PDB file of N, CA and C in Angstrom:
ATOM      1  N   MET A   1       0.916  -1.107   0.090  1.00  0.00           N
ATOM      2  CA  MET A   1      -0.019  -0.017   0.189  1.00  0.00           C
ATOM      3  C   MET A   1       0.776   1.156   0.019  1.00  0.00           C
ATOM      4  N   ALA A   2       0.882   1.892  -1.358  1.00  0.00           N
ATOM      5  CA  ALA A   2       1.942   3.646  -1.350  1.00  0.00           C
ATOM      6  C   ALA A   2       1.144   4.973  -0.885  1.00  0.00           C
ATOM      7  N   LYS A   3       1.562   5.175   0.122  1.00  0.00           N
ATOM      8  CA  LYS A   3       1.142   6.763  -0.087  1.00  0.00           C
ATOM      9  C   LYS A   3       1.026   7.912  -0.649  1.00  0.00           C
ATOM     10  N   ASN A   4       2.504   7.962  -1.408  1.00  0.00           N
ATOM     11  CA  ASN A   4       3.114   8.697  -1.734  1.00  0.00           C
ATOM     12  C   ASN A   4       3.818   8.151  -3.036  1.00  0.00           C
ATOM     13  N   ILE A   5       2.742   8.463  -4.567  1.00  0.00           N
ATOM     14  CA  ILE A   5       3.541   7.917  -5.692  1.00  0.00           C
ATOM     15  C   ILE A   5       3.447   8.652  -6.275  1.00  0.00           C
ATOM     16  N   ARG A   6       4.392   8.855  -7.144  1.00  0.00           N
ATOM     17  CA  ARG A   6       5.362   9.956  -8.110  1.00  0.00           C
ATOM     18  C   ARG A   6       5.018   9.492  -9.718  1.00  0.00           C
ATOM     19  N   GLY A   7       4.342  10.575 -10.995  1.00  0.00           N
ATOM     20  CA  GLY A   7       4.368  10.480 -11.896  1.00  0.00           C
ATOM     21  C   GLY A   7       5.209  10.816 -12.360  1.00  0.00           C
ATOM     22  N   ASN A   8       6.141   9.861 -13.443  1.00  0.00           N
ATOM     23  CA  ASN A   8       7.343  10.191 -13.987  1.00  0.00           C
ATOM     24  C   ASN A   8       7.671  11.172 -15.417  1.00  0.00           C
ATOM     25  N   LYS A   9       6.417  11.279 -15.451  1.00  0.00           N
ATOM     26  CA  LYS A   9       5.916  12.532 -16.931  1.00  0.00           C
ATOM     27  C   LYS A   9       6.978  11.926 -17.703  1.00  0.00           C
ATOM     28  N   ASP A  10       6.923  11.042 -18.034  1.00  0.00           N
ATOM     29  CA  ASP A  10       7.372  10.403 -19.412  1.00  0.00           C
ATOM     30  C   ASP A  10       6.789   9.987 -20.331  1.00  0.00           C
ATOM     31  N   GLY A  11       5.543  10.019 -20.966  1.00  0.00           N
ATOM     32  CA  GLY A  11       4.967  10.009 -21.999  1.00  0.00           C
ATOM     33  C   GLY A  11       5.641  10.630 -22.765  1.00  0.00           C
ATOM     34  N   LYS A  12       5.154  10.356 -24.573  1.00  0.00           N
ATOM     35  CA  LYS A  12       5.566  11.468 -25.695  1.00  0.00           C
ATOM     36  C   LYS A  12       4.946  13.282 -25.371  1.00  0.00           C
ATOM     37  N   ASN A  13       3.993  13.115 -24.513  1.00  0.00           N
ATOM     38  CA  ASN A  13       3.508  14.755 -24.659  1.00  0.00           C
ATOM     39  C   ASN A  13       3.328  15.088 -22.678  1.00  0.00           C
ATOM     40  N   GLY A  14       4.738  14.233 -22.326  1.00  0.00           N
ATOM     41  CA  GLY A  14       4.394  14.132 -20.869  1.00  0.00           C
ATOM     42  C   GLY A  14       3.913  14.005 -20.001  1.00  0.00           C
ATOM     43  N   GLU A  15       2.651  13.407 -19.661  1.00  0.00           N
ATOM     44  CA  GLU A  15       1.437  12.266 -19.431  1.00  0.00           C
ATOM     45  C   GLU A  15       2.581  11.421 -18.404  1.00  0.00           C
ATOM     46  N   ASN A  16       1.726  10.668 -17.652  1.00  0.00           N
ATOM     47  CA  ASN A  16       2.616   9.266 -16.876  1.00  0.00           C
ATOM     48  C   ASN A  16       2.402   8.248 -17.400  1.00  0.00           C
ATOM     49  N   ASP A  17       3.144   7.558 -17.991  1.00  0.00           N
ATOM     50  CA  ASP A  17       3.644   6.494 -18.623  1.00  0.00           C
ATOM     51  C   ASP A  17       3.621   5.515 -17.519  1.00  0.00           C
ATOM     52  N   SER A  18       4.390   5.904 -16.340  1.00  0.00           N
ATOM     53  CA  SER A  18       4.928   5.343 -15.717  1.00  0.00           C
ATOM     54  C   SER A  18       4.820   5.688 -14.325  1.00  0.00           C
ATOM     55  N   TYR A  19       5.161   5.336 -12.984  1.00  0.00           N
ATOM     56  CA  TYR A  19       5.133   5.825 -11.412  1.00  0.00           C
ATOM     57  C   TYR A  19       5.883   5.585 -11.473  1.00  0.00           C
ATOM     58  N   THR A  20       6.058   6.304  -9.752  1.00  0.00           N
ATOM     59  CA  THR A  20       7.824   5.502  -8.974  1.00  0.00           C
ATOM     60  C   THR A  20       6.828   5.345  -7.848  1.00  0.00           C
ATOM     61  N   ILE A  21       7.241   4.133  -6.840  1.00  0.00           N
ATOM     62  CA  ILE A  21       6.874   4.214  -5.557  1.00  0.00           C
ATOM     63  C   ILE A  21       7.915   4.143  -4.789  1.00  0.00           C
ATOM     64  N   PRO A  22       8.078   4.809  -3.674  1.00  0.00           N
ATOM     65  CA  PRO A  22       9.736   4.841  -3.111  1.00  0.00           C
ATOM     66  C   PRO A  22       9.494   2.958  -2.611  1.00  0.00           C
ATOM     67  N   GLY A  23      10.505   2.632  -2.189  1.00  0.00           N
ATOM     68  CA  GLY A  23      10.593   1.543  -1.850  1.00  0.00           C
ATOM     69  C   GLY A  23       9.822   0.656  -2.578  1.00  0.00           C
ATOM     70  N   ARG A  24       9.562   0.823  -3.948  1.00  0.00           N
ATOM     71  CA  ARG A  24       9.210  -0.323  -4.601  1.00  0.00           C
ATOM     72  C   ARG A  24       9.845  -0.165  -6.322  1.00  0.00           C
ATOM     73  N   GLY A  25      10.175   1.190  -6.860  1.00  0.00           N
ATOM     74  CA  GLY A  25      10.677   1.353  -7.435  1.00  0.00           C
ATOM     75  C   GLY A  25       9.595   2.150  -8.856  1.00  0.00           C
ATOM     76  N   VAL A  26       9.891   1.928 -10.134  1.00  0.00           N
ATOM     77  CA  VAL A  26       9.135   2.045 -11.115  1.00  0.00           C
ATOM     78  C   VAL A  26       7.760   1.355 -11.384  1.00  0.00           C
ATOM     79  N   VAL A  27       6.678   1.943 -11.670  1.00  0.00           N
ATOM     80  CA  VAL A  27       5.584   0.771 -12.203  1.00  0.00           C
ATOM     81  C   VAL A  27       5.333   1.247 -13.283  1.00  0.00           C
ATOM     82  N   ASP A  28       4.612   0.523 -14.060  1.00  0.00           N
ATOM     83  CA  ASP A  28       3.864   1.234 -15.531  1.00  0.00           C
ATOM     84  C   ASP A  28       2.339   1.222 -14.921  1.00  0.00           C
ATOM     85  N   ARG A  29       1.686   2.315 -15.981  1.00  0.00           N
ATOM     86  CA  ARG A  29       0.616   2.582 -15.855  1.00  0.00           C
ATOM     87  C   ARG A  29      -0.231   1.727 -15.650  1.00  0.00           C
ATOM     88  N   GLU A  30      -0.402   0.648 -16.782  1.00  0.00           N
ATOM     89  CA  GLU A  30      -1.306  -0.112 -16.660  1.00  0.00           C
ATOM     90  C   GLU A  30      -1.577  -0.837 -15.245  1.00  0.00           C
ATOM     91  N   GLN A  31      -0.139  -1.612 -14.467  1.00  0.00           N
ATOM     92  CA  GLN A  31      -0.250  -2.574 -14.018  1.00  0.00           C
ATOM     93  C   GLN A  31      -1.003  -1.456 -12.400  1.00  0.00           C
ATOM     94  N   LEU A  32      -0.176   0.011 -12.770  1.00  0.00           N
ATOM     95  CA  LEU A  32      -0.489   0.838 -11.106  1.00  0.00           C
ATOM     96  C   LEU A  32      -2.099   1.112 -11.042  1.00  0.00           C
ATOM     97  N   VAL A  33      -3.113   1.276 -12.605  1.00  0.00           N
ATOM     98  CA  VAL A  33      -4.502   1.170 -12.452  1.00  0.00           C
ATOM     99  C   VAL A  33      -4.971  -0.011 -11.621  1.00  0.00           C
ATOM    100  N   ARG A  34      -4.748  -1.253 -12.429  1.00  0.00           N
ATOM    101  CA  ARG A  34      -4.865  -2.463 -11.974  1.00  0.00           C
ATOM    102  C   ARG A  34      -5.153  -2.174 -10.627  1.00  0.00           C
ATOM    103  N   GLU A  35      -3.841  -2.297  -9.863  1.00  0.00           N
ATOM    104  CA  GLU A  35      -3.861  -2.476  -8.485  1.00  0.00           C
ATOM    105  C   GLU A  35      -4.818  -1.403  -7.247  1.00  0.00           C
ATOM    106  N   ILE A  36      -4.368  -0.170  -8.119  1.00  0.00           N
ATOM    107  CA  ILE A  36      -5.856   1.054  -7.688  1.00  0.00           C
ATOM    108  C   ILE A  36      -7.179   0.615  -7.981  1.00  0.00           C
ATOM    109  N   GLU A  37      -7.705  -0.171  -9.182  1.00  0.00           N
ATOM    110  CA  GLU A  37      -8.784  -0.398  -8.997  1.00  0.00           C
ATOM    111  C   GLU A  37      -9.508  -1.557  -7.807  1.00  0.00           C
ATOM    112  N   ALA A  38      -8.641  -2.280  -7.823  1.00  0.00           N
ATOM    113  CA  ALA A  38      -8.102  -3.544  -6.826  1.00  0.00           C
ATOM    114  C   ALA A  38      -8.240  -2.677  -5.339  1.00  0.00           C
ATOM    115  N   GLY A  39      -8.052  -1.795  -4.999  1.00  0.00           N
ATOM    116  CA  GLY A  39      -8.063  -1.560  -3.520  1.00  0.00           C
ATOM    117  C   GLY A  39      -6.904  -1.736  -3.112  1.00  0.00           C
ATOM    118  N   LYS A  40      -5.923  -1.667  -4.178  1.00  0.00           N
ATOM    119  CA  LYS A  40      -4.357  -1.631  -3.115  1.00  0.00           C
ATOM    120  C   LYS A  40      -3.933  -0.572  -2.577  1.00  0.00           C
ATOM    121  N   HIS A  41      -4.347   0.722  -3.131  1.00  0.00           N
ATOM    122  CA  HIS A  41      -3.683   1.617  -2.816  1.00  0.00           C
ATOM    123  C   HIS A  41      -5.069   2.904  -2.178  1.00  0.00           C
ATOM    124  N   PRO A  42      -5.535   2.827  -0.940  1.00  0.00           N
ATOM    125  CA  PRO A  42      -6.631   3.583  -1.001  1.00  0.00           C
ATOM    126  C   PRO A  42      -6.069   5.288  -0.885  1.00  0.00           C
ATOM    127  N   SER A  43      -5.605   5.871  -0.944  1.00  0.00           N
ATOM    128  CA  SER A  43      -5.027   7.103  -0.800  1.00  0.00           C
ATOM    129  C   SER A  43      -5.123   7.444  -2.531  1.00  0.00           C
ATOM    130  N   HIS A  44      -5.078   6.890  -3.546  1.00  0.00           N
ATOM    131  CA  HIS A  44      -5.702   6.979  -4.859  1.00  0.00           C
ATOM    132  C   HIS A  44      -6.429   6.611  -5.737  1.00  0.00           C
ATOM    133  N   HIS A  45      -6.848   7.207  -6.674  1.00  0.00           N
ATOM    134  CA  HIS A  45      -7.958   6.522  -7.755  1.00  0.00           C
ATOM    135  C   HIS A  45      -7.469   6.858  -9.084  1.00  0.00           C
ATOM    136  N   VAL A  46      -8.883   6.211  -9.720  1.00  0.00           N
ATOM    137  CA  VAL A  46      -7.909   6.005 -11.091  1.00  0.00           C
ATOM    138  C   VAL A  46      -9.283   7.423 -11.720  1.00  0.00           C
ATOM    139  N   VAL A  47      -8.563   8.294 -12.486  1.00  0.00           N
ATOM    140  CA  VAL A  47      -8.977   8.946 -13.705  1.00  0.00           C
ATOM    141  C   VAL A  47      -9.135   8.535 -15.582  1.00  0.00           C
ATOM    142  N   THR A  48      -9.933   9.121 -15.876  1.00  0.00           N
ATOM    143  CA  THR A  48     -10.144   8.487 -17.216  1.00  0.00           C
ATOM    144  C   THR A  48      -9.788   9.998 -18.003  1.00  0.00           C
ATOM    145  N   ILE A  49      -8.894   9.665 -18.760  1.00  0.00           N
ATOM    146  CA  ILE A  49      -8.526  11.258 -19.923  1.00  0.00           C
ATOM    147  C   ILE A  49      -8.524  10.725 -21.376  1.00  0.00           C
ATOM    148  N   ASN A  50      -9.552  11.026 -22.338  1.00  0.00           N
ATOM    149  CA  ASN A  50      -9.312  10.831 -23.385  1.00  0.00           C
ATOM    150  C   ASN A  50      -8.953   9.347 -23.939  1.00  0.00           C
ATOM    151  N   GLY A  51      -9.398   8.218 -22.732  1.00  0.00           N
ATOM    152  CA  GLY A  51      -9.818   6.801 -22.980  1.00  0.00           C
ATOM    153  C   GLY A  51      -8.922   6.117 -22.314  1.00  0.00           C
ATOM    154  N   GLU A  52      -8.057   6.824 -21.844  1.00  0.00           N
ATOM    155  CA  GLU A  52      -6.705   6.188 -21.319  1.00  0.00           C
ATOM    156  C   GLU A  52      -6.702   6.770 -19.674  1.00  0.00           C
ATOM    157  N   ALA A  53      -6.302   5.455 -19.186  1.00  0.00           N
ATOM    158  CA  ALA A  53      -6.708   5.675 -17.728  1.00  0.00           C
ATOM    159  C   ALA A  53      -5.452   6.242 -16.853  1.00  0.00           C
ATOM    160  N   TYR A  54      -5.690   7.108 -15.645  1.00  0.00           N
ATOM    161  CA  TYR A  54      -3.961   7.146 -15.042  1.00  0.00           C
ATOM    162  C   TYR A  54      -4.444   7.626 -13.930  1.00  0.00           C
ATOM    163  N   VAL A  55      -3.721   7.403 -12.601  1.00  0.00           N
ATOM    164  CA  VAL A  55      -3.540   7.545 -11.217  1.00  0.00           C
ATOM    165  C   VAL A  55      -3.704   8.678 -10.375  1.00  0.00           C
ATOM    166  N   ARG A  56      -4.438   9.671  -9.693  1.00  0.00           N
ATOM    167  CA  ARG A  56      -4.432  10.761  -9.187  1.00  0.00           C
ATOM    168  C   ARG A  56      -4.622  10.690  -7.583  1.00  0.00           C
ATOM    169  N   SER A  57      -3.701  10.874  -6.711  1.00  0.00           N
ATOM    170  CA  SER A  57      -3.471  10.734  -5.244  1.00  0.00           C
ATOM    171  C   SER A  57      -5.507  11.962  -4.911  1.00  0.00           C
ATOM    172  N   ASN A  58      -5.772  11.062  -4.041  1.00  0.00           N
ATOM    173  CA  ASN A  58      -7.007  11.703  -3.611  1.00  0.00           C
ATOM    174  C   ASN A  58      -6.612  12.885  -2.866  1.00  0.00           C
ATOM    175  N   PRO A  59      -7.439  13.950  -3.299  1.00  0.00           N
ATOM    176  CA  PRO A  59      -7.486  15.009  -2.336  1.00  0.00           C
ATOM    177  C   PRO A  59      -7.295  15.512  -1.092  1.00  0.00           C
ATOM    178  N   ASP A  60      -6.555  16.360  -0.502  1.00  0.00           N
ATOM    179  CA  ASP A  60      -6.153  16.387   0.965  1.00  0.00           C
ATOM    180  C   ASP A  60      -5.494  17.476   0.849  1.00  0.00           C
ATOM    181  N   ALA A  61      -4.895  18.715   1.710  1.00  0.00           N
ATOM    182  CA  ALA A  61      -4.233  19.604   1.797  1.00  0.00           C
ATOM    183  C   ALA A  61      -2.993  19.737   1.777  1.00  0.00           C
ATOM    184  N   THR A  62      -2.066  18.701   1.727  1.00  0.00           N
ATOM    185  CA  THR A  62      -1.179  18.428   1.191  1.00  0.00           C
ATOM    186  C   THR A  62      -0.541  18.635   0.337  1.00  0.00           C
ATOM    187  N   ASP A  63      -0.218  19.181  -0.435  1.00  0.00           N
ATOM    188  CA  ASP A  63       0.443  19.394  -1.565  1.00  0.00           C
ATOM    189  C   ASP A  63       1.679  18.157  -1.989  1.00  0.00           C
ATOM    190  N   SER A  64       2.829  18.331  -0.863  1.00  0.00           N
ATOM    191  CA  SER A  64       3.866  17.547  -1.112  1.00  0.00           C
ATOM    192  C   SER A  64       3.711  15.513  -1.490  1.00  0.00           C
ATOM    193  N   ASN A  65       2.747  15.155  -1.113  1.00  0.00           N
ATOM    194  CA  ASN A  65       1.611  14.181  -1.574  1.00  0.00           C
ATOM    195  C   ASN A  65       0.783  13.768  -2.484  1.00  0.00           C
ATOM    196  N   ASN A  66       0.951  15.064  -3.252  1.00  0.00           N
ATOM    197  CA  ASN A  66       0.387  15.198  -4.885  1.00  0.00           C
ATOM    198  C   ASN A  66       0.648  14.172  -5.918  1.00  0.00           C
ATOM    199  N   VAL A  67       0.538  13.022  -6.680  1.00  0.00           N
ATOM    200  CA  VAL A  67       1.325  12.744  -7.868  1.00  0.00           C
ATOM    201  C   VAL A  67       2.234  13.143  -7.915  1.00  0.00           C
ATOM    202  N   ASN A  68       1.672  14.867  -8.662  1.00  0.00           N
ATOM    203  CA  ASN A  68       2.605  15.405  -9.388  1.00  0.00           C
ATOM    204  C   ASN A  68       3.640  16.433  -9.089  1.00  0.00           C
ATOM    205  N   LYS A  69       3.192  16.783  -7.743  1.00  0.00           N
ATOM    206  CA  LYS A  69       4.093  17.350  -7.426  1.00  0.00           C
ATOM    207  C   LYS A  69       5.401  16.666  -6.799  1.00  0.00           C
ATOM    208  N   GLN A  70       6.700  17.565  -6.363  1.00  0.00           N
ATOM    209  CA  GLN A  70       7.963  17.005  -6.412  1.00  0.00           C
ATOM    210  C   GLN A  70       8.418  17.808  -5.204  1.00  0.00           C
TER     211      GLN A  70
END
């Protein structure tokens, strides 16, 4: 169960094709989407943009744990 997931912005237009999970390493987008849909990362959810599923952190007051914040 990951609390801090970082988007790698490694897609052709800067979208996240993979994500980095501290202590685990890089996980491709499709795998992480499946894990979130299975309930393995309850602090995150999936959004669909232009027919593609992406990972987002659930909103809270802390910028530092949002997917695309560094």
